[in-house]
């Protein structure tokens, strides 16, 4: 199956597409599922799950969550297979809340120097279930290359996601696993039985996020 594990709806301040538009784009591209990973919120889950049933696409509820250590921000993680929203906070507190829900913890764009690289990856690598080795929104390919090198060196599960903030970015990267449905991805990641595929999105796409943050485009 092919599943884009990093997508944003207009419930993220820097994104513009509705949950249903994200789902329809993924279905049209031949994906088997997506993870909804808005910034620090679960507001899109209900709409996305309903759209997933309507369009016969697997949906994984998730979040992209800001984490800190000793009060200092150190990066962002993706929590997948969540049932309850998790607020930003200390890394080990966020990790514990993800694990209480039998969720998956992934390091998001860990080497992207322009967008919240993960500052303590070496220290916390064994606390992660996987590392995002392909993120389509990186400006420089070497950021993904460094993530892949780190994953291989440390025998970590690998995932890919578009980090799409609008519907036409969806599917630019995804995770591949030999599973029967999206629920099986939880076990596949834990067993390190996943692969990542993807391509870099045109960096000009960041203008969309900038305009959305300014309230000039997006949800009204």
C-alpha atoms as a PDB file:
ATOM      1  CA  UNK A   1       0.000   0.000   0.000  1.00  0.00           C
ATOM      2  CA  UNK A   2       1.022   3.623  -0.596  1.00  0.00           C
ATOM      3  CA  UNK A   3       0.227   6.064   2.210  1.00  0.00           C
ATOM      4  CA  UNK A   4       1.177   9.742   2.444  1.00  0.00           C
ATOM      5  CA  UNK A   5       2.052  10.087   6.132  1.00  0.00           C
ATOM      6  CA  UNK A   6       2.375  13.866   6.382  1.00  0.00           C
ATOM      7  CA  UNK A   7      -0.510  16.081   5.210  1.00  0.00           C
ATOM      8  CA  UNK A   8      -2.096  19.323   6.392  1.00  0.00           C
ATOM      9  CA  UNK A   9      -5.604  20.698   6.024  1.00  0.00           C
ATOM     10  CA  UNK A  10      -6.818  24.252   6.526  1.00  0.00           C
ATOM     11  CA  UNK A  11      -7.011  23.517  10.242  1.00  0.00           C
ATOM     12  CA  UNK A  12      -3.271  24.220  10.157  1.00  0.00           C
ATOM     13  CA  UNK A  13      -2.757  27.978   9.991  1.00  0.00           C
ATOM     14  CA  UNK A  14      -0.339  27.641   7.067  1.00  0.00           C
ATOM     15  CA  UNK A  15      -2.463  25.329   4.885  1.00  0.00           C
ATOM     16  CA  UNK A  16      -5.422  25.979   2.597  1.00  0.00           C
ATOM     17  CA  UNK A  17      -7.278  22.783   1.594  1.00  0.00           C
ATOM     18  CA  UNK A  18     -10.257  21.146   3.259  1.00  0.00           C
ATOM     19  CA  UNK A  19     -10.014  17.587   4.623  1.00  0.00           C
ATOM     20  CA  UNK A  20     -12.272  16.355   1.824  1.00  0.00           C
ATOM     21  CA  UNK A  21     -10.157  18.039  -0.863  1.00  0.00           C
ATOM     22  CA  UNK A  22      -7.054  16.362   0.577  1.00  0.00           C
ATOM     23  CA  UNK A  23      -8.812  12.988   0.547  1.00  0.00           C
ATOM     24  CA  UNK A  24     -10.082  13.424  -3.019  1.00  0.00           C
ATOM     25  CA  UNK A  25      -6.612  14.403  -4.248  1.00  0.00           C
ATOM     26  CA  UNK A  26      -5.070  11.322  -2.633  1.00  0.00           C
ATOM     27  CA  UNK A  27      -7.719   9.042  -4.139  1.00  0.00           C
ATOM     28  CA  UNK A  28      -7.257  10.533  -7.594  1.00  0.00           C
ATOM     29  CA  UNK A  29      -3.503   9.920  -7.377  1.00  0.00           C
ATOM     30  CA  UNK A  30      -3.970   6.249  -6.533  1.00  0.00           C
ATOM     31  CA  UNK A  31      -2.890   6.388  -2.918  1.00  0.00           C
ATOM     32  CA  UNK A  32      -4.347   3.843  -0.523  1.00  0.00           C
ATOM     33  CA  UNK A  33      -4.396   6.176   2.437  1.00  0.00           C
ATOM     34  CA  UNK A  34      -3.162   9.332   4.102  1.00  0.00           C
ATOM     35  CA  UNK A  35      -2.339  10.518   7.594  1.00  0.00           C
ATOM     36  CA  UNK A  36      -3.891  13.816   8.637  1.00  0.00           C
ATOM     37  CA  UNK A  37      -1.149  15.575  10.610  1.00  0.00           C
ATOM     38  CA  UNK A  38      -2.190  19.157  11.241  1.00  0.00           C
ATOM     39  CA  UNK A  39      -0.072  21.320  13.517  1.00  0.00           C
ATOM     40  CA  UNK A  40      -0.980  20.605  17.140  1.00  0.00           C
ATOM     41  CA  UNK A  41      -4.675  19.973  16.468  1.00  0.00           C
ATOM     42  CA  UNK A  42      -7.136  17.169  15.799  1.00  0.00           C
ATOM     43  CA  UNK A  43      -9.864  19.399  14.348  1.00  0.00           C
ATOM     44  CA  UNK A  44      -9.746  17.788  10.884  1.00  0.00           C
ATOM     45  CA  UNK A  45     -10.042  14.172  12.012  1.00  0.00           C
ATOM     46  CA  UNK A  46     -13.836  13.851  11.972  1.00  0.00           C
ATOM     47  CA  UNK A  47     -14.216  15.404   8.515  1.00  0.00           C
ATOM     48  CA  UNK A  48     -11.293  13.421   7.127  1.00  0.00           C
ATOM     49  CA  UNK A  49     -12.605  10.103   8.447  1.00  0.00           C
ATOM     50  CA  UNK A  50     -16.038  10.814   6.957  1.00  0.00           C
ATOM     51  CA  UNK A  51     -14.449  11.758   3.619  1.00  0.00           C
ATOM     52  CA  UNK A  52     -12.316   8.630   3.760  1.00  0.00           C
ATOM     53  CA  UNK A  53     -15.408   6.445   4.073  1.00  0.00           C
ATOM     54  CA  UNK A  54     -17.109   8.359   1.274  1.00  0.00           C
ATOM     55  CA  UNK A  55     -14.189   8.051  -1.141  1.00  0.00           C
ATOM     56  CA  UNK A  56     -12.924   4.658   0.086  1.00  0.00           C
ATOM     57  CA  UNK A  57      -9.548   5.888   1.291  1.00  0.00           C
ATOM     58  CA  UNK A  58      -7.770   4.842   4.475  1.00  0.00           C
ATOM     59  CA  UNK A  59      -7.338   7.633   7.029  1.00  0.00           C
ATOM     60  CA  UNK A  60      -4.833   7.714   9.895  1.00  0.00           C
ATOM     61  CA  UNK A  61      -5.562  10.361  12.544  1.00  0.00           C
ATOM     62  CA  UNK A  62      -2.383  12.141  13.579  1.00  0.00           C
ATOM     63  CA  UNK A  63      -0.684  15.388  14.498  1.00  0.00           C
ATOM     64  CA  UNK A  64       2.553  17.226  13.886  1.00  0.00           C
ATOM     65  CA  UNK A  65       3.525  18.289  17.388  1.00  0.00           C
ATOM     66  CA  UNK A  66       6.104  20.794  18.624  1.00  0.00           C
ATOM     67  CA  UNK A  67       8.358  19.316  21.296  1.00  0.00           C
ATOM     68  CA  UNK A  68      10.845  20.811  23.720  1.00  0.00           C
ATOM     69  CA  UNK A  69      13.503  19.680  26.177  1.00  0.00           C
ATOM     70  CA  UNK A  70      14.185  21.544  29.411  1.00  0.00           C
ATOM     71  CA  UNK A  71      11.908  24.285  28.148  1.00  0.00           C
ATOM     72  CA  UNK A  72      13.726  24.801  24.837  1.00  0.00           C
ATOM     73  CA  UNK A  73      12.119  23.883  21.518  1.00  0.00           C
ATOM     74  CA  UNK A  74      13.969  21.042  19.814  1.00  0.00           C
ATOM     75  CA  UNK A  75      11.789  20.233  16.794  1.00  0.00           C
ATOM     76  CA  UNK A  76       8.592  18.532  15.696  1.00  0.00           C
ATOM     77  CA  UNK A  77       7.370  14.963  15.770  1.00  0.00           C
ATOM     78  CA  UNK A  78       4.519  13.229  13.997  1.00  0.00           C
ATOM     79  CA  UNK A  79       2.150  11.170  16.102  1.00  0.00           C
ATOM     80  CA  UNK A  80       0.058   8.616  14.193  1.00  0.00           C
ATOM     81  CA  UNK A  81      -2.898   6.358  15.083  1.00  0.00           C
ATOM     82  CA  UNK A  82      -4.087   8.790  17.733  1.00  0.00           C
ATOM     83  CA  UNK A  83      -7.466   8.859  19.438  1.00  0.00           C
ATOM     84  CA  UNK A  84      -7.026  12.056  21.422  1.00  0.00           C
ATOM     85  CA  UNK A  85      -5.368  15.373  20.660  1.00  0.00           C
ATOM     86  CA  UNK A  86      -1.913  15.956  22.138  1.00  0.00           C
ATOM     87  CA  UNK A  87      -0.662  19.430  23.023  1.00  0.00           C
ATOM     88  CA  UNK A  88       2.904  20.653  22.403  1.00  0.00           C
ATOM     89  CA  UNK A  89       5.245  20.003  25.296  1.00  0.00           C
ATOM     90  CA  UNK A  90       8.337  18.293  26.614  1.00  0.00           C
ATOM     91  CA  UNK A  91       9.494  15.512  24.317  1.00  0.00           C
ATOM     92  CA  UNK A  92       9.160  12.673  26.811  1.00  0.00           C
ATOM     93  CA  UNK A  93       5.693  13.844  27.879  1.00  0.00           C
ATOM     94  CA  UNK A  94       4.516  13.957  24.243  1.00  0.00           C
ATOM     95  CA  UNK A  95       6.092  10.568  23.576  1.00  0.00           C
ATOM     96  CA  UNK A  96       4.361   9.041  26.603  1.00  0.00           C
ATOM     97  CA  UNK A  97       0.982  10.395  25.478  1.00  0.00           C
ATOM     98  CA  UNK A  98       1.479   8.947  21.996  1.00  0.00           C
ATOM     99  CA  UNK A  99       2.442   5.561  23.434  1.00  0.00           C
ATOM    100  CA  UNK A 100      -0.538   5.567  25.808  1.00  0.00           C
ATOM    101  CA  UNK A 101      -2.680   5.559  22.648  1.00  0.00           C
ATOM    102  CA  UNK A 102      -0.579   2.794  21.039  1.00  0.00           C
ATOM    103  CA  UNK A 103       0.517   5.397  18.519  1.00  0.00           C
ATOM    104  CA  UNK A 104       3.578   5.779  16.334  1.00  0.00           C
ATOM    105  CA  UNK A 105       6.222   8.469  16.884  1.00  0.00           C
ATOM    106  CA  UNK A 106       8.107   9.778  13.832  1.00  0.00           C
ATOM    107  CA  UNK A 107      10.731  12.512  13.615  1.00  0.00           C
ATOM    108  CA  UNK A 108       9.549  15.102  11.090  1.00  0.00           C
ATOM    109  CA  UNK A 109      12.012  16.644   8.590  1.00  0.00           C
ATOM    110  CA  UNK A 110      14.844  16.123  11.096  1.00  0.00           C
ATOM    111  CA  UNK A 111      17.659  17.791   9.130  1.00  0.00           C
ATOM    112  CA  UNK A 112      15.785  20.652   7.484  1.00  0.00           C
ATOM    113  CA  UNK A 113      17.847  23.637   8.608  1.00  0.00           C
ATOM    114  CA  UNK A 114      15.148  26.042   7.402  1.00  0.00           C
ATOM    115  CA  UNK A 115      12.152  24.375   9.073  1.00  0.00           C
ATOM    116  CA  UNK A 116      12.551  23.065  12.596  1.00  0.00           C
ATOM    117  CA  UNK A 117      15.308  20.495  12.319  1.00  0.00           C
ATOM    118  CA  UNK A 118      15.340  18.088  15.270  1.00  0.00           C
ATOM    119  CA  UNK A 119      18.111  19.339  17.533  1.00  0.00           C
ATOM    120  CA  UNK A 120      18.531  16.271  19.772  1.00  0.00           C
ATOM    121  CA  UNK A 121      18.058  13.414  17.344  1.00  0.00           C
ATOM    122  CA  UNK A 122      21.144  11.525  18.474  1.00  0.00           C
ATOM    123  CA  UNK A 123      20.058  11.695  22.115  1.00  0.00           C
ATOM    124  CA  UNK A 124      16.456  10.636  21.459  1.00  0.00           C
ATOM    125  CA  UNK A 125      16.779   8.345  18.442  1.00  0.00           C
ATOM    126  CA  UNK A 126      15.867   5.226  20.411  1.00  0.00           C
ATOM    127  CA  UNK A 127      12.670   6.884  21.561  1.00  0.00           C
ATOM    128  CA  UNK A 128      11.475   7.173  17.955  1.00  0.00           C
ATOM    129  CA  UNK A 129       9.576   4.527  15.999  1.00  0.00           C
ATOM    130  CA  UNK A 130      10.733   5.918  12.655  1.00  0.00           C
ATOM    131  CA  UNK A 131      12.415   8.794  10.896  1.00  0.00           C
ATOM    132  CA  UNK A 132      10.968  10.760   7.973  1.00  0.00           C
ATOM    133  CA  UNK A 133      13.600  10.243   5.269  1.00  0.00           C
ATOM    134  CA  UNK A 134      11.632  11.874   2.444  1.00  0.00           C
ATOM    135  CA  UNK A 135       9.808  15.140   2.999  1.00  0.00           C
ATOM    136  CA  UNK A 136       8.741  16.797  -0.236  1.00  0.00           C
ATOM    137  CA  UNK A 137       8.872  20.310   1.170  1.00  0.00           C
ATOM    138  CA  UNK A 138      12.601  20.416   1.907  1.00  0.00           C
ATOM    139  CA  UNK A 139      14.341  23.144  -0.067  1.00  0.00           C
ATOM    140  CA  UNK A 140      17.593  21.194  -0.455  1.00  0.00           C
ATOM    141  CA  UNK A 141      17.807  17.483  -1.295  1.00  0.00           C
ATOM    142  CA  UNK A 142      20.686  17.036   1.113  1.00  0.00           C
ATOM    143  CA  UNK A 143      18.308  17.462   4.059  1.00  0.00           C
ATOM    144  CA  UNK A 144      16.504  14.264   3.020  1.00  0.00           C
ATOM    145  CA  UNK A 145      19.788  12.570   2.167  1.00  0.00           C
ATOM    146  CA  UNK A 146      21.091  13.213   5.678  1.00  0.00           C
ATOM    147  CA  UNK A 147      17.892  11.756   7.143  1.00  0.00           C
ATOM    148  CA  UNK A 148      18.294   8.610   5.035  1.00  0.00           C
ATOM    149  CA  UNK A 149      21.930   8.239   6.058  1.00  0.00           C
ATOM    150  CA  UNK A 150      20.986   8.604   9.712  1.00  0.00           C
ATOM    151  CA  UNK A 151      18.192   6.032   9.424  1.00  0.00           C
ATOM    152  CA  UNK A 152      20.455   3.481   7.737  1.00  0.00           C
ATOM    153  CA  UNK A 153      23.293   4.028  10.194  1.00  0.00           C
ATOM    154  CA  UNK A 154      20.986   3.587  13.184  1.00  0.00           C
ATOM    155  CA  UNK A 155      18.737   0.835  11.769  1.00  0.00           C
ATOM    156  CA  UNK A 156      15.584   2.952  12.033  1.00  0.00           C
ATOM    157  CA  UNK A 157      12.269   2.494  10.245  1.00  0.00           C
ATOM    158  CA  UNK A 158      11.825   4.929   7.362  1.00  0.00           C
ATOM    159  CA  UNK A 159       8.784   6.887   6.219  1.00  0.00           C
ATOM    160  CA  UNK A 160       7.912   9.414   3.536  1.00  0.00           C
ATOM    161  CA  UNK A 161       5.334  12.169   3.365  1.00  0.00           C
ATOM    162  CA  UNK A 162       4.517  15.094   1.136  1.00  0.00           C
ATOM    163  CA  UNK A 163       4.067  17.546   4.016  1.00  0.00           C
ATOM    164  CA  UNK A 164       1.399  18.883   1.682  1.00  0.00           C
ATOM    165  CA  UNK A 165      -0.248  22.139   2.722  1.00  0.00           C
ATOM    166  CA  UNK A 166      -2.567  22.193  -0.289  1.00  0.00           C
ATOM    167  CA  UNK A 167      -4.249  19.445  -2.264  1.00  0.00           C
ATOM    168  CA  UNK A 168      -1.942  19.535  -5.281  1.00  0.00           C
ATOM    169  CA  UNK A 169       1.059  18.612  -3.106  1.00  0.00           C
ATOM    170  CA  UNK A 170      -0.498  15.384  -1.859  1.00  0.00           C
ATOM    171  CA  UNK A 171       1.295  12.227  -2.966  1.00  0.00           C
ATOM    172  CA  UNK A 172       4.591  13.906  -3.804  1.00  0.00           C
ATOM    173  CA  UNK A 173       6.000  11.508  -1.210  1.00  0.00           C
ATOM    174  CA  UNK A 174       4.590   8.497   0.559  1.00  0.00           C
ATOM    175  CA  UNK A 175       5.365   5.376   2.583  1.00  0.00           C
ATOM    176  CA  UNK A 176       5.166   1.908   1.068  1.00  0.00           C
ATOM    177  CA  UNK A 177       4.279  -1.195   3.079  1.00  0.00           C
ATOM    178  CA  UNK A 178       3.052  -4.709   2.319  1.00  0.00           C
ATOM    179  CA  UNK A 179      -0.155  -4.517   4.356  1.00  0.00           C
ATOM    180  CA  UNK A 180      -3.863  -5.156   3.838  1.00  0.00           C
ATOM    181  CA  UNK A 181      -5.181  -1.884   5.299  1.00  0.00           C
ATOM    182  CA  UNK A 182      -3.822   1.306   6.843  1.00  0.00           C
ATOM    183  CA  UNK A 183      -4.167  -0.094  10.367  1.00  0.00           C
ATOM    184  CA  UNK A 184      -1.470  -2.602   9.493  1.00  0.00           C
ATOM    185  CA  UNK A 185       1.011   0.223   9.054  1.00  0.00           C
ATOM    186  CA  UNK A 186       1.347   0.544  12.823  1.00  0.00           C
ATOM    187  CA  UNK A 187       2.907  -2.912  13.047  1.00  0.00           C
ATOM    188  CA  UNK A 188       4.857  -2.518   9.790  1.00  0.00           C
ATOM    189  CA  UNK A 189       6.637   0.572  11.114  1.00  0.00           C
ATOM    190  CA  UNK A 190       7.426  -1.094  14.432  1.00  0.00           C
ATOM    191  CA  UNK A 191       8.871  -4.076  12.520  1.00  0.00           C
ATOM    192  CA  UNK A 192      10.855  -1.723  10.224  1.00  0.00           C
ATOM    193  CA  UNK A 193       9.061  -3.084   7.161  1.00  0.00           C
ATOM    194  CA  UNK A 194       8.450   0.176   5.324  1.00  0.00           C
ATOM    195  CA  UNK A 195      10.008   2.024   2.419  1.00  0.00           C
ATOM    196  CA  UNK A 196       9.807   5.664   1.371  1.00  0.00           C
ATOM    197  CA  UNK A 197       9.355   7.144  -2.098  1.00  0.00           C
ATOM    198  CA  UNK A 198       9.053  10.717  -3.210  1.00  0.00           C
ATOM    199  CA  UNK A 199      10.155  13.811  -5.026  1.00  0.00           C
ATOM    200  CA  UNK A 200      10.819  17.368  -3.955  1.00  0.00           C
ATOM    201  CA  UNK A 201       8.014  19.894  -4.334  1.00  0.00           C
ATOM    202  CA  UNK A 202       8.832  23.191  -6.044  1.00  0.00           C
ATOM    203  CA  UNK A 203      10.123  25.420  -3.192  1.00  0.00           C
ATOM    204  CA  UNK A 204       7.880  28.250  -4.403  1.00  0.00           C
ATOM    205  CA  UNK A 205       5.039  26.313  -2.766  1.00  0.00           C
ATOM    206  CA  UNK A 206       6.158  27.848   0.534  1.00  0.00           C
ATOM    207  CA  UNK A 207       4.523  31.072  -0.670  1.00  0.00           C
ATOM    208  CA  UNK A 208       1.185  29.329  -0.188  1.00  0.00           C
ATOM    209  CA  UNK A 209       1.957  28.791   3.498  1.00  0.00           C
ATOM    210  CA  UNK A 210       3.171  32.355   3.914  1.00  0.00           C
ATOM    211  CA  UNK A 211      -0.026  33.768   2.397  1.00  0.00           C
ATOM    212  CA  UNK A 212      -2.147  31.399   4.482  1.00  0.00           C
ATOM    213  CA  UNK A 213      -0.367  32.500   7.667  1.00  0.00           C
ATOM    214  CA  UNK A 214      -1.137  36.097   6.757  1.00  0.00           C
ATOM    215  CA  UNK A 215      -4.795  35.194   6.253  1.00  0.00           C
ATOM    216  CA  UNK A 216      -4.720  36.178   2.592  1.00  0.00           C
ATOM    217  CA  UNK A 217      -5.751  32.746   1.306  1.00  0.00           C
ATOM    218  CA  UNK A 218      -7.282  29.623   2.797  1.00  0.00           C
ATOM    219  CA  UNK A 219     -10.284  28.893   4.945  1.00  0.00           C
ATOM    220  CA  UNK A 220     -12.722  31.738   5.425  1.00  0.00           C
END
